[in-house]
Amino acid sequence: SVDIRKLSSERFVLCARETAPAVFDKIIGLCSEAGFSPQIAALPVVRSSALMLVQAGEGIAILPELHDMIGSGLSACPLKSKDAFVELVMAWSPPRVGPIAEAFMALVRENKSTL
């Protein structure tokens, strides 16, 4: 794992706030808490573009877990900070909720403490 303070001199490739506000705000907050403002090299709108920019040498990216998205020429490691997570929310359109969505929402509500 890496301490985010060691990344203060790196160029960052951040997913644009318009498409990933929680992730963007979390990264800016983690950097601020570590005592620096990230030098933003690029703000792509999709995660796959962020990975291509990193692969091209434009900077580093802090992203939610990647699992199978890491391509050739890329490496990943977790951040040391216990605060390096993004809280998830569930959103829906009440007039359009069918039985499958109702069942899913009930399952999430029943298990929210373990998610």
N, C-alpha and C. Protein backbone atom coordinates (compact mmCIF):
# COMPACT_ATOMS: atom_id res chain seq x y z
N SER A 1 0.84 -1.19 0.00
CA SER A 1 0.00 0.00 0.00
C SER A 1 0.88 1.24 0.00
N VAL A 2 0.30 2.34 -0.42
CA VAL A 2 1.05 3.60 -0.52
C VAL A 2 0.37 4.68 0.31
N ASP A 3 1.19 5.48 0.96
CA ASP A 3 0.71 6.64 1.71
C ASP A 3 0.47 7.77 0.71
N ILE A 4 -0.71 8.34 0.71
CA ILE A 4 -1.05 9.37 -0.27
C ILE A 4 -0.10 10.57 -0.20
N ARG A 5 0.51 10.83 0.95
CA ARG A 5 1.45 11.95 1.06
C ARG A 5 2.63 11.77 0.12
N LYS A 6 2.98 10.53 -0.19
CA LYS A 6 4.10 10.27 -1.10
C LYS A 6 3.75 10.57 -2.55
N LEU A 7 2.50 10.89 -2.82
CA LEU A 7 2.06 11.17 -4.19
C LEU A 7 1.98 12.67 -4.48
N SER A 8 2.40 13.49 -3.53
CA SER A 8 2.22 14.94 -3.65
C SER A 8 2.90 15.55 -4.87
N SER A 9 3.96 14.96 -5.37
CA SER A 9 4.66 15.53 -6.53
C SER A 9 4.22 14.89 -7.85
N GLU A 10 3.28 13.98 -7.80
CA GLU A 10 2.79 13.29 -9.00
C GLU A 10 1.74 14.12 -9.73
N ARG A 11 1.61 13.85 -11.01
CA ARG A 11 0.51 14.40 -11.82
C ARG A 11 -0.65 13.42 -11.72
N PHE A 12 -1.85 13.95 -11.50
CA PHE A 12 -3.03 13.12 -11.29
C PHE A 12 -3.94 13.12 -12.52
N VAL A 13 -4.43 11.95 -12.87
CA VAL A 13 -5.48 11.78 -13.86
C VAL A 13 -6.73 11.44 -13.06
N LEU A 14 -7.66 12.38 -12.97
CA LEU A 14 -8.86 12.19 -12.18
C LEU A 14 -10.08 12.10 -13.09
N CYS A 15 -10.96 11.17 -12.80
CA CYS A 15 -12.22 11.14 -13.54
C CYS A 15 -12.96 12.44 -13.26
N ALA A 16 -13.53 13.03 -14.28
CA ALA A 16 -14.18 14.33 -14.17
C ALA A 16 -15.26 14.33 -13.09
N ARG A 17 -15.34 15.42 -12.37
CA ARG A 17 -16.31 15.53 -11.28
C ARG A 17 -17.74 15.39 -11.80
N GLU A 18 -17.99 15.82 -13.02
CA GLU A 18 -19.34 15.74 -13.59
C GLU A 18 -19.83 14.29 -13.69
N THR A 19 -18.92 13.35 -13.90
CA THR A 19 -19.33 11.95 -14.06
C THR A 19 -19.08 11.10 -12.82
N ALA A 20 -18.21 11.55 -11.92
CA ALA A 20 -17.91 10.78 -10.70
C ALA A 20 -17.67 11.74 -9.54
N PRO A 21 -18.70 12.49 -9.11
CA PRO A 21 -18.47 13.51 -8.08
C PRO A 21 -17.99 12.96 -6.75
N ALA A 22 -18.49 11.82 -6.31
CA ALA A 22 -18.08 11.28 -5.02
C ALA A 22 -16.60 10.88 -5.04
N VAL A 23 -16.17 10.25 -6.12
CA VAL A 23 -14.77 9.83 -6.24
C VAL A 23 -13.87 11.06 -6.34
N PHE A 24 -14.24 12.01 -7.19
CA PHE A 24 -13.44 13.23 -7.35
C PHE A 24 -13.30 13.96 -6.02
N ASP A 25 -14.41 14.19 -5.34
CA ASP A 25 -14.37 14.91 -4.06
C ASP A 25 -13.56 14.15 -3.01
N LYS A 26 -13.66 12.83 -3.00
CA LYS A 26 -12.89 12.04 -2.03
C LYS A 26 -11.40 12.20 -2.27
N ILE A 27 -10.98 12.14 -3.52
CA ILE A 27 -9.54 12.27 -3.84
C ILE A 27 -9.03 13.66 -3.47
N ILE A 28 -9.79 14.69 -3.82
CA ILE A 28 -9.38 16.05 -3.46
C ILE A 28 -9.30 16.18 -1.94
N GLY A 29 -10.27 15.61 -1.23
CA GLY A 29 -10.26 15.65 0.24
C GLY A 29 -9.09 14.90 0.85
N LEU A 30 -8.78 13.72 0.32
CA LEU A 30 -7.64 12.95 0.84
C LEU A 30 -6.33 13.71 0.62
N CYS A 31 -6.19 14.31 -0.55
CA CYS A 31 -4.98 15.10 -0.83
C CYS A 31 -4.89 16.30 0.11
N SER A 32 -6.01 16.98 0.31
CA SER A 32 -6.04 18.14 1.19
C SER A 32 -5.66 17.75 2.62
N GLU A 33 -6.22 16.64 3.09
CA GLU A 33 -5.88 16.16 4.44
C GLU A 33 -4.41 15.79 4.54
N ALA A 34 -3.81 15.38 3.41
CA ALA A 34 -2.39 15.02 3.40
C ALA A 34 -1.50 16.25 3.22
N GLY A 35 -2.12 17.43 3.06
CA GLY A 35 -1.35 18.67 3.01
C GLY A 35 -0.96 19.15 1.63
N PHE A 36 -1.63 18.69 0.59
CA PHE A 36 -1.30 19.17 -0.75
C PHE A 36 -2.54 19.20 -1.63
N SER A 37 -2.44 19.97 -2.71
CA SER A 37 -3.46 19.98 -3.75
C SER A 37 -2.91 19.20 -4.93
N PRO A 38 -3.67 18.28 -5.47
CA PRO A 38 -3.12 17.48 -6.57
C PRO A 38 -2.91 18.32 -7.83
N GLN A 39 -1.84 18.03 -8.54
CA GLN A 39 -1.57 18.64 -9.83
C GLN A 39 -2.35 17.81 -10.85
N ILE A 40 -3.44 18.35 -11.35
CA ILE A 40 -4.34 17.59 -12.23
C ILE A 40 -3.84 17.70 -13.66
N ALA A 41 -3.49 16.55 -14.23
CA ALA A 41 -2.99 16.48 -15.61
C ALA A 41 -4.11 16.33 -16.61
N ALA A 42 -5.18 15.61 -16.22
CA ALA A 42 -6.29 15.36 -17.14
C ALA A 42 -7.54 15.01 -16.35
N LEU A 43 -8.70 15.29 -16.96
CA LEU A 43 -10.00 15.00 -16.33
C LEU A 43 -10.89 14.24 -17.33
N PRO A 44 -10.56 12.99 -17.62
CA PRO A 44 -11.40 12.22 -18.54
C PRO A 44 -12.77 11.93 -17.93
N VAL A 45 -13.75 11.67 -18.79
CA VAL A 45 -15.10 11.44 -18.29
C VAL A 45 -15.40 9.97 -17.99
N VAL A 46 -14.57 9.07 -18.48
CA VAL A 46 -14.78 7.64 -18.18
C VAL A 46 -13.51 7.01 -17.65
N ARG A 47 -13.69 5.99 -16.82
CA ARG A 47 -12.56 5.34 -16.17
C ARG A 47 -11.61 4.70 -17.17
N SER A 48 -12.13 4.13 -18.24
CA SER A 48 -11.25 3.49 -19.23
C SER A 48 -10.31 4.52 -19.87
N SER A 49 -10.79 5.73 -20.07
CA SER A 49 -9.93 6.79 -20.61
C SER A 49 -8.86 7.18 -19.59
N ALA A 50 -9.22 7.20 -18.31
CA ALA A 50 -8.24 7.51 -17.27
C ALA A 50 -7.12 6.46 -17.30
N LEU A 51 -7.48 5.21 -17.43
CA LEU A 51 -6.47 4.15 -17.48
C LEU A 51 -5.58 4.29 -18.71
N MET A 52 -6.16 4.65 -19.85
CA MET A 52 -5.35 4.83 -21.07
C MET A 52 -4.38 6.00 -20.90
N LEU A 53 -4.83 7.07 -20.24
CA LEU A 53 -3.94 8.21 -20.00
C LEU A 53 -2.80 7.84 -19.05
N VAL A 54 -3.11 7.05 -18.04
CA VAL A 54 -2.05 6.58 -17.13
C VAL A 54 -1.06 5.71 -17.90
N GLN A 55 -1.59 4.81 -18.71
CA GLN A 55 -0.73 3.93 -19.51
C GLN A 55 0.16 4.73 -20.45
N ALA A 56 -0.34 5.87 -20.93
CA ALA A 56 0.43 6.74 -21.83
C ALA A 56 1.43 7.61 -21.09
N GLY A 57 1.44 7.54 -19.76
CA GLY A 57 2.41 8.28 -18.97
C GLY A 57 1.99 9.68 -18.56
N GLU A 58 0.69 9.99 -18.67
CA GLU A 58 0.21 11.32 -18.33
C GLU A 58 0.15 11.58 -16.83
N GLY A 59 0.14 10.55 -16.02
CA GLY A 59 0.07 10.72 -14.58
C GLY A 59 -0.39 9.45 -13.91
N ILE A 60 -0.80 9.59 -12.65
CA ILE A 60 -1.32 8.47 -11.88
C ILE A 60 -2.82 8.67 -11.67
N ALA A 61 -3.53 7.61 -11.41
CA ALA A 61 -4.96 7.71 -11.14
C ALA A 61 -5.28 7.02 -9.83
N ILE A 62 -6.18 7.60 -9.07
CA ILE A 62 -6.73 6.95 -7.88
C ILE A 62 -8.17 6.61 -8.26
N LEU A 63 -8.46 5.32 -8.29
CA LEU A 63 -9.76 4.84 -8.76
C LEU A 63 -10.33 3.82 -7.78
N PRO A 64 -11.63 3.61 -7.83
CA PRO A 64 -12.20 2.49 -7.07
C PRO A 64 -11.52 1.19 -7.54
N GLU A 65 -11.65 0.14 -6.79
CA GLU A 65 -10.99 -1.12 -7.14
C GLU A 65 -11.21 -1.46 -8.60
N LEU A 66 -10.16 -1.98 -9.22
CA LEU A 66 -10.19 -2.21 -10.66
C LEU A 66 -10.44 -3.67 -11.04
N HIS A 67 -9.97 -4.59 -10.22
CA HIS A 67 -10.08 -6.02 -10.51
C HIS A 67 -9.59 -6.34 -11.91
N ASP A 68 -10.48 -6.50 -12.88
CA ASP A 68 -10.09 -6.96 -14.21
C ASP A 68 -9.81 -5.82 -15.20
N MET A 69 -9.79 -4.57 -14.75
CA MET A 69 -9.60 -3.47 -15.69
C MET A 69 -8.14 -3.09 -15.89
N ILE A 70 -7.25 -3.64 -15.09
CA ILE A 70 -5.83 -3.30 -15.24
C ILE A 70 -5.32 -3.92 -16.54
N GLY A 71 -4.75 -3.09 -17.39
CA GLY A 71 -4.22 -3.57 -18.66
C GLY A 71 -2.71 -3.74 -18.60
N SER A 72 -2.14 -4.10 -19.70
CA SER A 72 -0.69 -4.29 -19.76
C SER A 72 -0.01 -2.94 -19.52
N GLY A 73 1.09 -2.99 -18.84
CA GLY A 73 1.84 -1.78 -18.56
C GLY A 73 1.34 -0.99 -17.37
N LEU A 74 0.35 -1.51 -16.65
CA LEU A 74 -0.19 -0.82 -15.48
C LEU A 74 -0.06 -1.70 -14.24
N SER A 75 0.11 -1.04 -13.11
CA SER A 75 0.13 -1.73 -11.82
C SER A 75 -0.82 -0.98 -10.89
N ALA A 76 -1.30 -1.67 -9.87
CA ALA A 76 -2.20 -1.03 -8.91
C ALA A 76 -1.83 -1.47 -7.51
N CYS A 77 -2.06 -0.58 -6.55
CA CYS A 77 -1.89 -0.92 -5.14
C CYS A 77 -2.87 -0.08 -4.33
N PRO A 78 -3.27 -0.58 -3.17
CA PRO A 78 -4.22 0.18 -2.34
C PRO A 78 -3.56 1.37 -1.65
N LEU A 79 -4.37 2.33 -1.25
CA LEU A 79 -3.89 3.45 -0.45
C LEU A 79 -3.90 3.04 1.02
N LYS A 80 -2.96 3.58 1.80
CA LYS A 80 -2.89 3.25 3.22
C LYS A 80 -4.01 3.85 4.04
N SER A 81 -4.55 4.96 3.61
CA SER A 81 -5.55 5.68 4.40
C SER A 81 -6.80 4.84 4.63
N LYS A 82 -7.25 4.80 5.87
CA LYS A 82 -8.49 4.11 6.20
C LYS A 82 -9.70 4.87 5.67
N ASP A 83 -9.50 6.13 5.31
CA ASP A 83 -10.59 6.96 4.78
C ASP A 83 -10.68 6.89 3.25
N ALA A 84 -9.85 6.06 2.62
CA ALA A 84 -9.82 5.97 1.16
C ALA A 84 -10.92 5.04 0.65
N PHE A 85 -12.16 5.45 0.85
CA PHE A 85 -13.29 4.70 0.33
C PHE A 85 -14.38 5.70 -0.04
N VAL A 86 -15.28 5.28 -0.89
CA VAL A 86 -16.40 6.12 -1.30
C VAL A 86 -17.68 5.44 -0.86
N GLU A 87 -18.49 6.18 -0.13
CA GLU A 87 -19.78 5.64 0.31
C GLU A 87 -20.72 5.55 -0.88
N LEU A 88 -21.42 4.45 -0.98
CA LEU A 88 -22.35 4.24 -2.09
C LEU A 88 -23.77 4.58 -1.66
N VAL A 89 -24.56 5.04 -2.60
CA VAL A 89 -25.97 5.30 -2.36
C VAL A 89 -26.79 4.57 -3.41
N MET A 90 -28.04 4.37 -3.12
CA MET A 90 -28.95 3.73 -4.06
C MET A 90 -29.97 4.78 -4.50
N ALA A 91 -30.23 4.87 -5.79
CA ALA A 91 -31.20 5.83 -6.32
C ALA A 91 -32.18 5.09 -7.22
N TRP A 92 -33.42 5.57 -7.22
CA TRP A 92 -34.44 4.94 -8.05
C TRP A 92 -35.55 5.94 -8.34
N SER A 93 -36.38 5.60 -9.32
CA SER A 93 -37.52 6.42 -9.71
C SER A 93 -38.78 5.72 -9.19
N PRO A 94 -39.39 6.20 -8.11
CA PRO A 94 -40.55 5.53 -7.52
C PRO A 94 -41.65 5.12 -8.50
N PRO A 95 -42.00 5.97 -9.48
CA PRO A 95 -43.07 5.54 -10.39
C PRO A 95 -42.68 4.37 -11.30
N ARG A 96 -41.39 4.07 -11.38
CA ARG A 96 -40.93 3.04 -12.30
C ARG A 96 -40.41 1.79 -11.59
N VAL A 97 -40.64 1.68 -10.32
CA VAL A 97 -40.13 0.53 -9.57
C VAL A 97 -41.06 -0.67 -9.79
N GLY A 98 -40.46 -1.76 -10.27
CA GLY A 98 -41.20 -2.99 -10.46
C GLY A 98 -40.86 -3.99 -9.37
N PRO A 99 -41.37 -5.20 -9.45
CA PRO A 99 -41.14 -6.20 -8.41
C PRO A 99 -39.68 -6.59 -8.22
N ILE A 100 -38.90 -6.62 -9.29
CA ILE A 100 -37.49 -6.99 -9.16
C ILE A 100 -36.73 -5.88 -8.43
N ALA A 101 -36.99 -4.64 -8.80
CA ALA A 101 -36.34 -3.52 -8.11
C ALA A 101 -36.76 -3.46 -6.65
N GLU A 102 -38.04 -3.70 -6.36
CA GLU A 102 -38.52 -3.73 -4.96
C GLU A 102 -37.77 -4.79 -4.16
N ALA A 103 -37.61 -5.98 -4.75
CA ALA A 103 -36.90 -7.07 -4.06
C ALA A 103 -35.44 -6.71 -3.83
N PHE A 104 -34.82 -6.09 -4.82
CA PHE A 104 -33.43 -5.68 -4.69
C PHE A 104 -33.27 -4.64 -3.59
N MET A 105 -34.14 -3.63 -3.58
CA MET A 105 -34.07 -2.60 -2.54
C MET A 105 -34.29 -3.18 -1.16
N ALA A 106 -35.19 -4.13 -1.02
CA ALA A 106 -35.41 -4.78 0.27
C ALA A 106 -34.16 -5.53 0.71
N LEU A 107 -33.51 -6.22 -0.24
CA LEU A 107 -32.28 -6.95 0.06
C LEU A 107 -31.17 -5.99 0.52
N VAL A 108 -31.03 -4.87 -0.17
CA VAL A 108 -30.01 -3.89 0.21
C VAL A 108 -30.31 -3.33 1.60
N ARG A 109 -31.55 -2.98 1.85
CA ARG A 109 -31.90 -2.43 3.17
C ARG A 109 -31.65 -3.43 4.29
N GLU A 110 -31.96 -4.70 4.05
CA GLU A 110 -31.74 -5.74 5.07
C GLU A 110 -30.25 -5.96 5.34
N ASN A 111 -29.42 -5.73 4.36
CA ASN A 111 -27.99 -6.06 4.47
C ASN A 111 -27.09 -4.84 4.47
N LYS A 112 -27.65 -3.65 4.66
CA LYS A 112 -26.84 -2.42 4.50
C LYS A 112 -25.66 -2.36 5.47
N SER A 113 -25.75 -2.98 6.61
CA SER A 113 -24.62 -2.92 7.56
C SER A 113 -23.44 -3.77 7.10
N THR A 114 -23.64 -4.68 6.16
CA THR A 114 -22.55 -5.53 5.70
C THR A 114 -22.07 -5.17 4.31
N LEU A 115 -22.70 -4.20 3.67
CA LEU A 115 -22.31 -3.84 2.31
C LEU A 115 -21.15 -2.87 2.30
